[in-house]
Amino acid sequence: MNKRIQIRAAFLLLLVFFAIPSFAEASGYLRNGNGHTVALTFDDGPRPGYVEPILAILREKDVRATFFLVGRYVLEHPELVRAIDAEGHTVANHTFYHNNLTSLPPENVYREWRLCNEAVERVTGKKPRFARPPGGRYNNFVAERANEEGLRIVLWTNNPGDYAASLNGPSLARKVLSRAKEGDIVLLHVGVAPTIDALPEIIDGYRRKGFSFVTVDEMR
């Protein structure tokens, strides 16, 4: 093969490579919504002492949110899961053990998604439609296993790091609102006291900016 043919073959390979969408693109990952909407999402629940005040604030503010729940906690605290579901919030899959899915043996990735789905369905009677890998860590294999379980992966656009020791309620609210943009998906965590303190101002601040609140299944 002469040099000209080699160059042409390499060029054609590049065209093919870039023309094929990644699994993330093909499966329709939800990274952000459209328009002047915002979705509040809460990872790592349910946890007693934290879910209840979050639900009370959301109820008072008439906001529906999305909770990415850890399967083993779902089975430990089914009454909290039922409370989340009963108030119209979206219950979603955050794996069963909250492991880094990209470092697990292949068969365990399948189990993480499947076991959490089964736990949620056992408690609520509904199978989750959305999922978030712990830490947002995923690859094509992780995504394919989620897709096989009927799950659409949801990431985020606004991660204020609410778990940071340096943040209190007011500073956390300011950080979230300083990053506000159209179609926001805000990443917050159950089990973090400043998140509870900041939540009323986060909601009020987004509304002052003209945003309306949606759950992830209401996003397009």
N, C-alpha and C. Protein backbone atom coordinates (compact mmCIF):
# COMPACT_ATOMS: atom_id res chain seq x y z
N MET A 1 0.86 -1.20 0.00
CA MET A 1 0.00 0.00 0.00
C MET A 1 0.90 1.24 0.00
N ASN A 2 0.73 2.13 -1.02
CA ASN A 2 1.58 3.31 -1.06
C ASN A 2 1.10 4.34 -0.05
N LYS A 3 1.87 5.40 0.09
CA LYS A 3 1.59 6.40 1.13
C LYS A 3 0.25 7.09 0.91
N ARG A 4 -0.11 7.40 -0.36
CA ARG A 4 -1.36 8.10 -0.65
C ARG A 4 -2.56 7.25 -0.21
N ILE A 5 -2.51 5.94 -0.49
CA ILE A 5 -3.60 5.04 -0.10
C ILE A 5 -3.69 4.93 1.42
N GLN A 6 -2.52 4.89 2.07
CA GLN A 6 -2.52 4.82 3.53
C GLN A 6 -3.18 6.05 4.15
N ILE A 7 -2.88 7.22 3.62
CA ILE A 7 -3.46 8.47 4.13
C ILE A 7 -4.96 8.46 3.91
N ARG A 8 -5.39 8.03 2.70
CA ARG A 8 -6.82 8.00 2.41
C ARG A 8 -7.55 7.04 3.34
N ALA A 9 -6.94 5.87 3.60
CA ALA A 9 -7.57 4.88 4.49
C ALA A 9 -7.70 5.42 5.90
N ALA A 10 -6.65 6.11 6.37
CA ALA A 10 -6.69 6.69 7.72
C ALA A 10 -7.77 7.75 7.81
N PHE A 11 -7.90 8.56 6.74
CA PHE A 11 -8.93 9.61 6.73
C PHE A 11 -10.33 9.00 6.79
N LEU A 12 -10.55 7.93 6.04
CA LEU A 12 -11.86 7.27 6.05
C LEU A 12 -12.17 6.68 7.41
N LEU A 13 -11.17 6.14 8.09
CA LEU A 13 -11.38 5.59 9.43
C LEU A 13 -11.78 6.68 10.41
N LEU A 14 -11.17 7.84 10.28
CA LEU A 14 -11.52 8.97 11.15
C LEU A 14 -12.96 9.41 10.91
N LEU A 15 -13.37 9.44 9.63
CA LEU A 15 -14.74 9.83 9.32
C LEU A 15 -15.73 8.86 9.94
N VAL A 16 -15.44 7.58 9.85
CA VAL A 16 -16.33 6.58 10.43
C VAL A 16 -16.39 6.73 11.94
N PHE A 17 -15.22 6.91 12.55
CA PHE A 17 -15.17 7.03 14.01
C PHE A 17 -16.01 8.20 14.51
N PHE A 18 -15.87 9.34 13.90
CA PHE A 18 -16.58 10.53 14.36
C PHE A 18 -18.04 10.54 13.93
N ALA A 19 -18.40 9.74 12.96
CA ALA A 19 -19.79 9.69 12.52
C ALA A 19 -20.65 8.83 13.42
N ILE A 20 -20.02 7.88 14.16
CA ILE A 20 -20.77 6.98 15.03
C ILE A 20 -20.99 7.66 16.37
N PRO A 21 -22.24 7.84 16.81
CA PRO A 21 -22.48 8.48 18.10
C PRO A 21 -22.05 7.59 19.24
N SER A 22 -21.63 8.20 20.34
CA SER A 22 -21.32 7.43 21.53
C SER A 22 -22.61 6.86 22.09
N PHE A 23 -22.50 5.87 23.00
CA PHE A 23 -23.71 5.33 23.62
C PHE A 23 -24.45 6.42 24.36
N ALA A 24 -23.70 7.33 24.99
CA ALA A 24 -24.35 8.41 25.73
C ALA A 24 -25.25 9.23 24.83
N GLU A 25 -24.77 9.51 23.62
CA GLU A 25 -25.58 10.30 22.69
C GLU A 25 -26.77 9.47 22.19
N ALA A 26 -26.50 8.23 21.85
CA ALA A 26 -27.53 7.40 21.24
C ALA A 26 -28.65 7.08 22.22
N SER A 27 -28.32 6.93 23.51
CA SER A 27 -29.33 6.53 24.47
C SER A 27 -30.06 7.71 25.08
N GLY A 28 -29.71 8.92 24.69
CA GLY A 28 -30.46 10.07 25.14
C GLY A 28 -30.25 10.41 26.60
N TYR A 29 -29.02 10.50 27.04
CA TYR A 29 -28.75 10.92 28.41
C TYR A 29 -29.45 12.25 28.67
N LEU A 30 -29.92 12.40 29.89
CA LEU A 30 -30.53 13.66 30.28
C LEU A 30 -29.50 14.44 31.09
N ARG A 31 -28.90 15.45 30.46
CA ARG A 31 -27.91 16.28 31.13
C ARG A 31 -28.49 17.62 31.53
N ASN A 32 -29.48 18.08 30.81
CA ASN A 32 -30.12 19.34 31.14
C ASN A 32 -31.49 19.40 30.46
N GLY A 33 -32.33 20.28 30.98
CA GLY A 33 -33.65 20.45 30.39
C GLY A 33 -33.67 21.60 29.42
N ASN A 34 -34.87 22.09 29.12
CA ASN A 34 -35.03 23.19 28.18
C ASN A 34 -35.77 24.34 28.84
N GLY A 35 -35.54 25.53 28.33
CA GLY A 35 -36.29 26.68 28.79
C GLY A 35 -35.93 27.09 30.21
N HIS A 36 -36.79 27.93 30.78
CA HIS A 36 -36.53 28.50 32.10
C HIS A 36 -37.06 27.56 33.18
N THR A 37 -36.54 26.32 33.17
CA THR A 37 -36.94 25.33 34.16
C THR A 37 -35.72 24.88 34.96
N VAL A 38 -36.00 24.33 36.14
CA VAL A 38 -34.94 23.78 36.98
C VAL A 38 -35.49 22.53 37.67
N ALA A 39 -34.66 21.50 37.73
CA ALA A 39 -35.00 20.28 38.45
C ALA A 39 -34.08 20.14 39.65
N LEU A 40 -34.66 20.08 40.83
CA LEU A 40 -33.89 19.79 42.04
C LEU A 40 -33.77 18.28 42.18
N THR A 41 -32.55 17.79 42.35
CA THR A 41 -32.35 16.35 42.53
C THR A 41 -31.56 16.11 43.81
N PHE A 42 -31.94 15.04 44.52
CA PHE A 42 -31.33 14.71 45.80
C PHE A 42 -30.80 13.28 45.75
N ASP A 43 -29.50 13.14 45.92
CA ASP A 43 -28.85 11.83 45.90
C ASP A 43 -28.69 11.26 47.31
N ASP A 44 -28.50 9.93 47.36
CA ASP A 44 -28.01 9.20 48.55
C ASP A 44 -29.06 8.91 49.61
N GLY A 45 -30.32 9.23 49.39
CA GLY A 45 -31.34 8.91 50.37
C GLY A 45 -31.84 7.49 50.21
N PRO A 46 -32.88 7.12 51.00
CA PRO A 46 -33.47 7.96 52.05
C PRO A 46 -32.72 7.81 53.36
N ARG A 47 -32.64 8.90 54.14
CA ARG A 47 -31.98 8.87 55.44
C ARG A 47 -32.85 9.57 56.47
N PRO A 48 -33.18 8.87 57.54
CA PRO A 48 -34.04 9.48 58.57
C PRO A 48 -33.40 10.74 59.13
N GLY A 49 -34.22 11.72 59.42
CA GLY A 49 -33.75 12.98 59.97
C GLY A 49 -33.37 14.00 58.92
N TYR A 50 -33.24 13.56 57.69
CA TYR A 50 -32.88 14.45 56.59
C TYR A 50 -33.99 14.51 55.54
N VAL A 51 -34.56 13.36 55.21
CA VAL A 51 -35.63 13.35 54.21
C VAL A 51 -36.84 14.15 54.69
N GLU A 52 -37.20 13.97 55.96
CA GLU A 52 -38.42 14.60 56.46
C GLU A 52 -38.40 16.12 56.34
N PRO A 53 -37.34 16.82 56.77
CA PRO A 53 -37.34 18.28 56.60
C PRO A 53 -37.27 18.72 55.14
N ILE A 54 -36.59 17.95 54.30
CA ILE A 54 -36.57 18.28 52.87
C ILE A 54 -37.99 18.19 52.30
N LEU A 55 -38.70 17.13 52.63
CA LEU A 55 -40.07 16.98 52.15
C LEU A 55 -40.96 18.10 52.67
N ALA A 56 -40.77 18.49 53.92
CA ALA A 56 -41.59 19.57 54.50
C ALA A 56 -41.38 20.89 53.75
N ILE A 57 -40.13 21.19 53.41
CA ILE A 57 -39.83 22.43 52.67
C ILE A 57 -40.42 22.37 51.27
N LEU A 58 -40.24 21.25 50.59
CA LEU A 58 -40.79 21.10 49.25
C LEU A 58 -42.31 21.22 49.26
N ARG A 59 -42.92 20.66 50.28
CA ARG A 59 -44.38 20.75 50.40
C ARG A 59 -44.81 22.19 50.61
N GLU A 60 -44.13 22.88 51.51
CA GLU A 60 -44.47 24.28 51.80
C GLU A 60 -44.29 25.16 50.56
N LYS A 61 -43.25 24.88 49.77
CA LYS A 61 -42.95 25.70 48.59
C LYS A 61 -43.66 25.21 47.33
N ASP A 62 -44.40 24.11 47.45
CA ASP A 62 -45.12 23.53 46.32
C ASP A 62 -44.17 23.21 45.17
N VAL A 63 -43.13 22.45 45.50
CA VAL A 63 -42.11 22.05 44.52
C VAL A 63 -42.04 20.53 44.49
N ARG A 64 -41.97 19.97 43.29
CA ARG A 64 -41.72 18.55 43.13
C ARG A 64 -40.27 18.37 42.70
N ALA A 65 -39.63 17.35 43.28
CA ALA A 65 -38.21 17.11 43.03
C ALA A 65 -38.00 15.66 42.63
N THR A 66 -36.73 15.30 42.42
CA THR A 66 -36.36 13.94 42.05
C THR A 66 -35.37 13.41 43.07
N PHE A 67 -35.63 12.22 43.60
CA PHE A 67 -34.78 11.60 44.61
C PHE A 67 -34.12 10.35 44.03
N PHE A 68 -32.80 10.37 43.94
CA PHE A 68 -32.03 9.22 43.49
C PHE A 68 -31.65 8.42 44.74
N LEU A 69 -32.32 7.29 44.92
CA LEU A 69 -32.24 6.54 46.17
C LEU A 69 -31.31 5.34 46.06
N VAL A 70 -30.63 5.05 47.16
CA VAL A 70 -29.74 3.89 47.27
C VAL A 70 -30.58 2.69 47.71
N GLY A 71 -30.50 1.60 46.96
CA GLY A 71 -31.39 0.47 47.17
C GLY A 71 -31.39 -0.10 48.57
N ARG A 72 -30.22 -0.24 49.18
CA ARG A 72 -30.20 -0.84 50.52
C ARG A 72 -30.86 0.07 51.55
N TYR A 73 -30.78 1.39 51.33
CA TYR A 73 -31.48 2.31 52.23
C TYR A 73 -32.99 2.27 51.98
N VAL A 74 -33.37 2.02 50.74
CA VAL A 74 -34.79 1.88 50.42
C VAL A 74 -35.41 0.76 51.26
N LEU A 75 -34.71 -0.37 51.34
CA LEU A 75 -35.22 -1.50 52.10
C LEU A 75 -35.17 -1.26 53.61
N GLU A 76 -34.21 -0.45 54.06
CA GLU A 76 -34.12 -0.15 55.48
C GLU A 76 -35.17 0.86 55.93
N HIS A 77 -35.57 1.76 55.03
CA HIS A 77 -36.50 2.84 55.40
C HIS A 77 -37.63 2.97 54.37
N PRO A 78 -38.41 1.92 54.20
CA PRO A 78 -39.47 1.96 53.17
C PRO A 78 -40.50 3.04 53.42
N GLU A 79 -40.74 3.39 54.70
CA GLU A 79 -41.74 4.42 54.99
C GLU A 79 -41.34 5.78 54.43
N LEU A 80 -40.04 6.05 54.39
CA LEU A 80 -39.56 7.31 53.83
C LEU A 80 -39.73 7.32 52.30
N VAL A 81 -39.49 6.19 51.70
CA VAL A 81 -39.66 6.08 50.24
C VAL A 81 -41.12 6.27 49.88
N ARG A 82 -42.00 5.67 50.64
CA ARG A 82 -43.44 5.84 50.37
C ARG A 82 -43.86 7.30 50.55
N ALA A 83 -43.26 7.97 51.54
CA ALA A 83 -43.59 9.38 51.74
C ALA A 83 -43.13 10.23 50.56
N ILE A 84 -41.93 9.95 50.04
CA ILE A 84 -41.43 10.67 48.87
C ILE A 84 -42.37 10.46 47.69
N ASP A 85 -42.73 9.22 47.45
CA ASP A 85 -43.60 8.90 46.32
C ASP A 85 -44.99 9.49 46.49
N ALA A 86 -45.53 9.43 47.71
CA ALA A 86 -46.90 9.89 47.96
C ALA A 86 -47.05 11.39 47.72
N GLU A 87 -45.95 12.14 47.87
CA GLU A 87 -46.03 13.59 47.69
C GLU A 87 -45.74 14.03 46.26
N GLY A 88 -45.66 13.07 45.36
CA GLY A 88 -45.55 13.40 43.95
C GLY A 88 -44.15 13.60 43.42
N HIS A 89 -43.16 13.24 44.22
CA HIS A 89 -41.78 13.36 43.76
C HIS A 89 -41.39 12.13 42.93
N THR A 90 -40.40 12.28 42.09
CA THR A 90 -39.92 11.17 41.28
C THR A 90 -38.89 10.36 42.06
N VAL A 91 -39.11 9.06 42.14
CA VAL A 91 -38.17 8.15 42.81
C VAL A 91 -37.32 7.49 41.74
N ALA A 92 -36.01 7.64 41.86
CA ALA A 92 -35.08 7.16 40.82
C ALA A 92 -33.99 6.28 41.44
N ASN A 93 -33.23 5.63 40.57
CA ASN A 93 -32.26 4.60 40.93
C ASN A 93 -30.87 5.21 41.10
N HIS A 94 -30.26 4.98 42.28
CA HIS A 94 -28.88 5.43 42.53
C HIS A 94 -28.00 4.24 42.92
N THR A 95 -28.32 3.08 42.35
CA THR A 95 -27.68 1.79 42.58
C THR A 95 -28.04 1.23 43.96
N PHE A 96 -27.67 -0.01 44.18
CA PHE A 96 -28.04 -0.67 45.44
C PHE A 96 -27.05 -0.41 46.56
N TYR A 97 -25.75 -0.47 46.26
CA TYR A 97 -24.73 -0.31 47.30
C TYR A 97 -23.96 1.01 47.19
N HIS A 98 -24.22 1.79 46.16
CA HIS A 98 -23.53 3.08 45.95
C HIS A 98 -22.02 2.88 45.74
N ASN A 99 -21.69 1.94 44.88
CA ASN A 99 -20.29 1.71 44.51
C ASN A 99 -19.93 2.47 43.24
N ASN A 100 -18.63 2.62 43.03
CA ASN A 100 -18.14 3.17 41.76
C ASN A 100 -18.33 2.10 40.69
N LEU A 101 -19.29 2.29 39.81
CA LEU A 101 -19.65 1.26 38.86
C LEU A 101 -18.55 0.97 37.85
N THR A 102 -17.69 1.93 37.60
CA THR A 102 -16.64 1.73 36.59
C THR A 102 -15.52 0.83 37.10
N SER A 103 -15.49 0.54 38.40
CA SER A 103 -14.43 -0.30 38.94
C SER A 103 -14.92 -1.67 39.38
N LEU A 104 -16.19 -1.97 39.12
CA LEU A 104 -16.77 -3.25 39.55
C LEU A 104 -16.61 -4.32 38.47
N PRO A 105 -16.63 -5.60 38.87
CA PRO A 105 -16.73 -6.66 37.87
C PRO A 105 -18.02 -6.50 37.07
N PRO A 106 -18.03 -6.90 35.81
CA PRO A 106 -19.21 -6.69 34.97
C PRO A 106 -20.52 -7.19 35.57
N GLU A 107 -20.50 -8.38 36.18
CA GLU A 107 -21.75 -8.93 36.72
C GLU A 107 -22.29 -8.09 37.87
N ASN A 108 -21.43 -7.37 38.59
CA ASN A 108 -21.89 -6.55 39.71
C ASN A 108 -22.53 -5.24 39.24
N VAL A 109 -22.11 -4.75 38.09
CA VAL A 109 -22.75 -3.55 37.53
C VAL A 109 -24.22 -3.86 37.25
N TYR A 110 -24.46 -4.99 36.63
CA TYR A 110 -25.84 -5.43 36.35
C TYR A 110 -26.63 -5.51 37.65
N ARG A 111 -26.05 -6.10 38.70
CA ARG A 111 -26.76 -6.28 39.96
C ARG A 111 -27.07 -4.96 40.63
N GLU A 112 -26.15 -4.00 40.55
CA GLU A 112 -26.38 -2.71 41.20
C GLU A 112 -27.65 -2.05 40.66
N TRP A 113 -27.81 -2.03 39.34
CA TRP A 113 -29.01 -1.42 38.75
C TRP A 113 -30.24 -2.26 39.04
N ARG A 114 -30.14 -3.58 38.84
CA ARG A 114 -31.30 -4.45 38.97
C ARG A 114 -31.81 -4.50 40.42
N LEU A 115 -30.91 -4.65 41.39
CA LEU A 115 -31.34 -4.77 42.78
C LEU A 115 -32.00 -3.49 43.28
N CYS A 116 -31.50 -2.34 42.87
CA CYS A 116 -32.13 -1.09 43.28
C CYS A 116 -33.51 -0.96 42.64
N ASN A 117 -33.63 -1.29 41.37
CA ASN A 117 -34.94 -1.29 40.72
C ASN A 117 -35.94 -2.16 41.48
N GLU A 118 -35.49 -3.35 41.85
CA GLU A 118 -36.37 -4.29 42.55
C GLU A 118 -36.77 -3.76 43.92
N ALA A 119 -35.83 -3.12 44.62
CA ALA A 119 -36.12 -2.58 45.95
C ALA A 119 -37.18 -1.48 45.86
N VAL A 120 -37.01 -0.57 44.91
CA VAL A 120 -37.96 0.53 44.76
C VAL A 120 -39.33 0.00 44.35
N GLU A 121 -39.35 -0.95 43.42
CA GLU A 121 -40.63 -1.49 42.96
C GLU A 121 -41.33 -2.24 44.08
N ARG A 122 -40.57 -2.93 44.93
CA ARG A 122 -41.17 -3.65 46.05
C ARG A 122 -41.86 -2.69 47.01
N VAL A 123 -41.27 -1.52 47.22
CA VAL A 123 -41.80 -0.57 48.19
C VAL A 123 -42.91 0.29 47.61
N THR A 124 -42.74 0.75 46.37
CA THR A 124 -43.70 1.71 45.79
C THR A 124 -44.66 1.09 44.78
N GLY A 125 -44.32 -0.10 44.30
CA GLY A 125 -45.12 -0.70 43.23
C GLY A 125 -44.80 -0.13 41.86
N LYS A 126 -43.77 0.73 41.78
CA LYS A 126 -43.39 1.36 40.52
C LYS A 126 -41.92 1.09 40.23
N LYS A 127 -41.63 0.81 38.98
CA LYS A 127 -40.24 0.60 38.57
C LYS A 127 -39.63 1.93 38.17
N PRO A 128 -38.45 2.26 38.69
CA PRO A 128 -37.81 3.54 38.30
C PRO A 128 -37.53 3.61 36.81
N ARG A 129 -37.59 4.83 36.30
CA ARG A 129 -37.30 5.07 34.89
C ARG A 129 -35.99 5.83 34.69
N PHE A 130 -35.45 6.39 35.78
CA PHE A 130 -34.25 7.22 35.70
C PHE A 130 -33.21 6.71 36.69
N ALA A 131 -31.95 6.97 36.36
CA ALA A 131 -30.85 6.50 37.20
C ALA A 131 -29.70 7.49 37.18
N ARG A 132 -28.93 7.45 38.24
CA ARG A 132 -27.71 8.26 38.30
C ARG A 132 -26.60 7.41 38.90
N PRO A 133 -25.50 7.22 38.18
CA PRO A 133 -24.38 6.46 38.75
C PRO A 133 -23.70 7.26 39.85
N PRO A 134 -23.32 6.62 40.94
CA PRO A 134 -22.66 7.34 42.04
C PRO A 134 -21.46 8.15 41.55
N GLY A 135 -21.41 9.40 41.96
CA GLY A 135 -20.33 10.28 41.54
C GLY A 135 -20.38 10.66 40.08
N GLY A 136 -21.44 10.25 39.38
CA GLY A 136 -21.51 10.51 37.94
C GLY A 136 -20.51 9.71 37.14
N ARG A 137 -19.92 8.67 37.76
CA ARG A 137 -18.90 7.87 37.08
C ARG A 137 -19.56 6.77 36.27
N TYR A 138 -19.30 6.77 34.97
CA TYR A 138 -19.92 5.79 34.08
C TYR A 138 -19.03 5.60 32.85
N ASN A 139 -19.30 4.55 32.15
CA ASN A 139 -18.71 4.30 30.83
C ASN A 139 -19.78 3.64 29.98
N ASN A 140 -19.44 3.25 28.77
CA ASN A 140 -20.45 2.67 27.88
C ASN A 140 -21.05 1.40 28.46
N PHE A 141 -20.24 0.58 29.10
CA PHE A 141 -20.75 -0.66 29.67
C PHE A 141 -21.77 -0.37 30.77
N VAL A 142 -21.44 0.57 31.66
CA VAL A 142 -22.37 0.95 32.73
C VAL A 142 -23.68 1.47 32.14
N ALA A 143 -23.57 2.30 31.12
CA ALA A 143 -24.76 2.87 30.49
C ALA A 143 -25.60 1.80 29.80
N GLU A 144 -24.94 0.85 29.15
CA GLU A 144 -25.68 -0.22 28.47
C GLU A 144 -26.45 -1.08 29.47
N ARG A 145 -25.84 -1.35 30.63
CA ARG A 145 -26.53 -2.15 31.65
C ARG A 145 -27.74 -1.39 32.19
N ALA A 146 -27.60 -0.09 32.36
CA ALA A 146 -28.74 0.72 32.80
C ALA A 146 -29.85 0.68 31.77
N ASN A 147 -29.48 0.83 30.52
CA ASN A 147 -30.47 0.81 29.44
C ASN A 147 -31.22 -0.51 29.39
N GLU A 148 -30.52 -1.61 29.64
CA GLU A 148 -31.15 -2.92 29.65
C GLU A 148 -32.19 -3.05 30.76
N GLU A 149 -31.99 -2.29 31.84
CA GLU A 149 -32.94 -2.30 32.96
C GLU A 149 -34.04 -1.25 32.78
N GLY A 150 -34.09 -0.63 31.62
CA GLY A 150 -35.13 0.35 31.34
C GLY A 150 -34.87 1.70 31.97
N LEU A 151 -33.61 2.01 32.24
CA LEU A 151 -33.24 3.23 32.95
C LEU A 151 -32.57 4.23 32.02
N ARG A 152 -32.93 5.47 32.18
CA ARG A 152 -32.30 6.58 31.47
C ARG A 152 -31.40 7.32 32.46
N ILE A 153 -30.13 7.44 32.13
CA ILE A 153 -29.18 8.08 33.04
C ILE A 153 -29.36 9.59 33.04
N VAL A 154 -29.37 10.16 34.23
CA VAL A 154 -29.53 11.60 34.43
C VAL A 154 -28.29 12.13 35.14
N LEU A 155 -27.66 13.12 34.56
CA LEU A 155 -26.50 13.74 35.19
C LEU A 155 -26.93 15.06 35.80
N TRP A 156 -26.16 16.13 35.65
CA TRP A 156 -26.52 17.41 36.26
C TRP A 156 -25.79 18.54 35.57
N THR A 157 -26.26 19.75 35.81
CA THR A 157 -25.60 20.95 35.28
C THR A 157 -25.05 21.84 36.39
N ASN A 158 -25.57 21.67 37.60
CA ASN A 158 -25.22 22.58 38.70
C ASN A 158 -24.87 21.74 39.93
N ASN A 159 -23.58 21.60 40.20
CA ASN A 159 -23.10 20.82 41.35
C ASN A 159 -22.36 21.75 42.30
N PRO A 160 -23.02 22.21 43.36
CA PRO A 160 -22.37 23.15 44.27
C PRO A 160 -21.46 22.49 45.29
N GLY A 161 -21.41 21.16 45.29
CA GLY A 161 -20.60 20.47 46.29
C GLY A 161 -21.13 20.70 47.69
N ASP A 162 -22.42 20.42 47.89
CA ASP A 162 -23.06 20.75 49.17
C ASP A 162 -22.48 19.99 50.35
N TYR A 163 -21.72 18.94 50.08
CA TYR A 163 -21.11 18.13 51.13
C TYR A 163 -19.82 18.75 51.68
N ALA A 164 -19.34 19.83 51.08
CA ALA A 164 -18.08 20.46 51.51
C ALA A 164 -18.22 21.07 52.89
N ALA A 165 -17.26 20.81 53.75
CA ALA A 165 -17.32 21.30 55.13
C ALA A 165 -17.29 22.83 55.20
N SER A 166 -16.77 23.47 54.17
CA SER A 166 -16.64 24.93 54.18
C SER A 166 -17.95 25.66 53.93
N LEU A 167 -18.99 24.94 53.50
CA LEU A 167 -20.25 25.57 53.14
C LEU A 167 -21.26 25.50 54.28
N ASN A 168 -21.96 26.62 54.47
CA ASN A 168 -23.14 26.61 55.34
C ASN A 168 -24.36 26.89 54.48
N GLY A 169 -25.53 26.99 55.09
CA GLY A 169 -26.74 27.19 54.32
C GLY A 169 -26.71 28.40 53.40
N PRO A 170 -26.44 29.59 53.93
CA PRO A 170 -26.44 30.79 53.07
C PRO A 170 -25.40 30.74 51.96
N SER A 171 -24.18 30.26 52.28
CA SER A 171 -23.15 30.22 51.23
C SER A 171 -23.48 29.18 50.17
N LEU A 172 -24.11 28.08 50.58
CA LEU A 172 -24.52 27.07 49.61
C LEU A 172 -25.59 27.63 48.68
N ALA A 173 -26.57 28.33 49.23
CA ALA A 173 -27.63 28.91 48.40
C ALA A 173 -27.04 29.90 47.40
N ARG A 174 -26.13 30.74 47.86
CA ARG A 174 -25.50 31.72 46.95
C ARG A 174 -24.74 31.01 45.83
N LYS A 175 -24.05 29.94 46.18
CA LYS A 175 -23.26 29.22 45.17
C LYS A 175 -24.17 28.60 44.11
N VAL A 176 -25.26 27.97 44.54
CA VAL A 176 -26.19 27.38 43.58
C VAL A 176 -26.76 28.45 42.66
N LEU A 177 -27.24 29.54 43.25
CA LEU A 177 -27.94 30.56 42.46
C LEU A 177 -26.99 31.34 41.56
N SER A 178 -25.73 31.44 41.94
CA SER A 178 -24.76 32.14 41.08
C SER A 178 -24.50 31.37 39.79
N ARG A 179 -24.83 30.08 39.79
CA ARG A 179 -24.60 29.24 38.61
C ARG A 179 -25.89 28.96 37.84
N ALA A 180 -26.98 29.55 38.25
CA ALA A 180 -28.28 29.23 37.66
C ALA A 180 -28.30 29.51 36.16
N LYS A 181 -28.85 28.58 35.41
CA LYS A 181 -29.01 28.76 33.96
C LYS A 181 -30.18 27.93 33.48
N GLU A 182 -30.61 28.19 32.27
CA GLU A 182 -31.78 27.51 31.72
C GLU A 182 -31.56 26.00 31.68
N GLY A 183 -32.62 25.27 32.02
CA GLY A 183 -32.57 23.82 31.97
C GLY A 183 -31.75 23.19 33.07
N ASP A 184 -31.53 23.90 34.16
CA ASP A 184 -30.68 23.39 35.23
C ASP A 184 -31.19 22.07 35.82
N ILE A 185 -30.25 21.18 36.11
CA ILE A 185 -30.46 20.04 36.99
C ILE A 185 -29.48 20.22 38.14
N VAL A 186 -30.02 20.46 39.33
CA VAL A 186 -29.19 20.79 40.49
C VAL A 186 -28.92 19.51 41.28
N LEU A 187 -27.64 19.27 41.57
CA LEU A 187 -27.23 18.10 42.35
C LEU A 187 -27.09 18.47 43.82
N LEU A 188 -27.95 17.90 44.65
CA LEU A 188 -27.90 18.06 46.10
C LEU A 188 -27.90 16.68 46.74
N HIS A 189 -27.66 16.63 48.06
CA HIS A 189 -27.55 15.34 48.72
C HIS A 189 -28.40 15.28 49.98
N VAL A 190 -29.01 14.11 50.19
CA VAL A 190 -29.67 13.81 51.46
C VAL A 190 -28.59 13.39 52.45
N GLY A 191 -28.68 13.93 53.67
CA GLY A 191 -27.67 13.60 54.67
C GLY A 191 -26.72 14.75 54.93
N VAL A 192 -27.02 15.93 54.35
CA VAL A 192 -26.17 17.11 54.49
C VAL A 192 -27.00 18.23 55.10
N ALA A 193 -26.66 18.65 56.32
CA ALA A 193 -27.47 19.65 57.01
C ALA A 193 -27.53 20.99 56.28
N PRO A 194 -26.42 21.52 55.74
CA PRO A 194 -26.51 22.80 55.03
C PRO A 194 -27.48 22.78 53.85
N THR A 195 -27.68 21.62 53.24
CA THR A 195 -28.63 21.52 52.13
C THR A 195 -30.04 21.85 52.61
N ILE A 196 -30.39 21.35 53.77
CA ILE A 196 -31.71 21.65 54.34
C ILE A 196 -31.83 23.15 54.62
N ASP A 197 -30.78 23.72 55.20
CA ASP A 197 -30.79 25.14 55.52
C ASP A 197 -30.89 26.01 54.27
N ALA A 198 -30.23 25.57 53.20
CA ALA A 198 -30.17 26.37 51.98
C ALA A 198 -31.39 26.22 51.10
N LEU A 199 -32.12 25.13 51.25
CA LEU A 199 -33.17 24.79 50.30
C LEU A 199 -34.24 25.87 50.12
N PRO A 200 -34.77 26.48 51.19
CA PRO A 200 -35.79 27.52 50.96
C PRO A 200 -35.29 28.68 50.10
N GLU A 201 -34.05 29.12 50.34
CA GLU A 201 -33.52 30.23 49.54
C GLU A 201 -33.18 29.80 48.13
N ILE A 202 -32.74 28.57 47.94
CA ILE A 202 -32.51 28.07 46.58
C ILE A 202 -33.80 28.13 45.77
N ILE A 203 -34.88 27.66 46.37
CA ILE A 203 -36.17 27.68 45.68
C ILE A 203 -36.63 29.11 45.41
N ASP A 204 -36.58 29.95 46.44
CA ASP A 204 -37.02 31.33 46.28
C ASP A 204 -36.15 32.08 45.27
N GLY A 205 -34.85 31.81 45.32
CA GLY A 205 -33.93 32.49 44.41
C GLY A 205 -34.16 32.14 42.96
N TYR A 206 -34.38 30.85 42.68
CA TYR A 206 -34.69 30.45 41.31
C TYR A 206 -36.00 31.10 40.84
N ARG A 207 -36.96 31.16 41.73
CA ARG A 207 -38.24 31.77 41.34
C ARG A 207 -38.08 33.27 41.07
N ARG A 208 -37.27 33.94 41.84
CA ARG A 208 -37.02 35.37 41.57
C ARG A 208 -36.40 35.57 40.20
N LYS A 209 -35.66 34.58 39.74
CA LYS A 209 -35.03 34.64 38.43
C LYS A 209 -35.99 34.20 37.31
N GLY A 210 -37.21 33.84 37.69
CA GLY A 210 -38.21 33.48 36.69
C GLY A 210 -38.26 32.01 36.32
N PHE A 211 -37.63 31.15 37.12
CA PHE A 211 -37.62 29.72 36.82
C PHE A 211 -38.86 29.04 37.40
N SER A 212 -39.28 27.96 36.74
CA SER A 212 -40.29 27.07 37.30
C SER A 212 -39.65 25.71 37.56
N PHE A 213 -40.20 24.98 38.53
CA PHE A 213 -39.60 23.73 38.96
C PHE A 213 -40.30 22.54 38.31
N VAL A 214 -39.48 21.56 37.91
CA VAL A 214 -39.99 20.34 37.29
C VAL A 214 -39.23 19.14 37.86
N THR A 215 -39.79 17.95 37.69
CA THR A 215 -39.06 16.74 37.95
C THR A 215 -38.35 16.29 36.68
N VAL A 216 -37.42 15.36 36.78
CA VAL A 216 -36.65 15.00 35.58
C VAL A 216 -37.53 14.37 34.51
N ASP A 217 -38.63 13.69 34.92
CA ASP A 217 -39.48 13.10 33.91
C ASP A 217 -40.36 14.12 33.20
N GLU A 218 -40.34 15.37 33.67
CA GLU A 218 -41.05 16.44 32.99
C GLU A 218 -40.13 17.23 32.07
N MET A 219 -38.84 16.90 32.08
CA MET A 219 -37.89 17.59 31.22
C MET A 219 -37.88 16.94 29.86
N ARG A 220 -37.52 17.71 28.85
CA ARG A 220 -37.44 17.20 27.48
C ARG A 220 -36.05 17.49 26.92
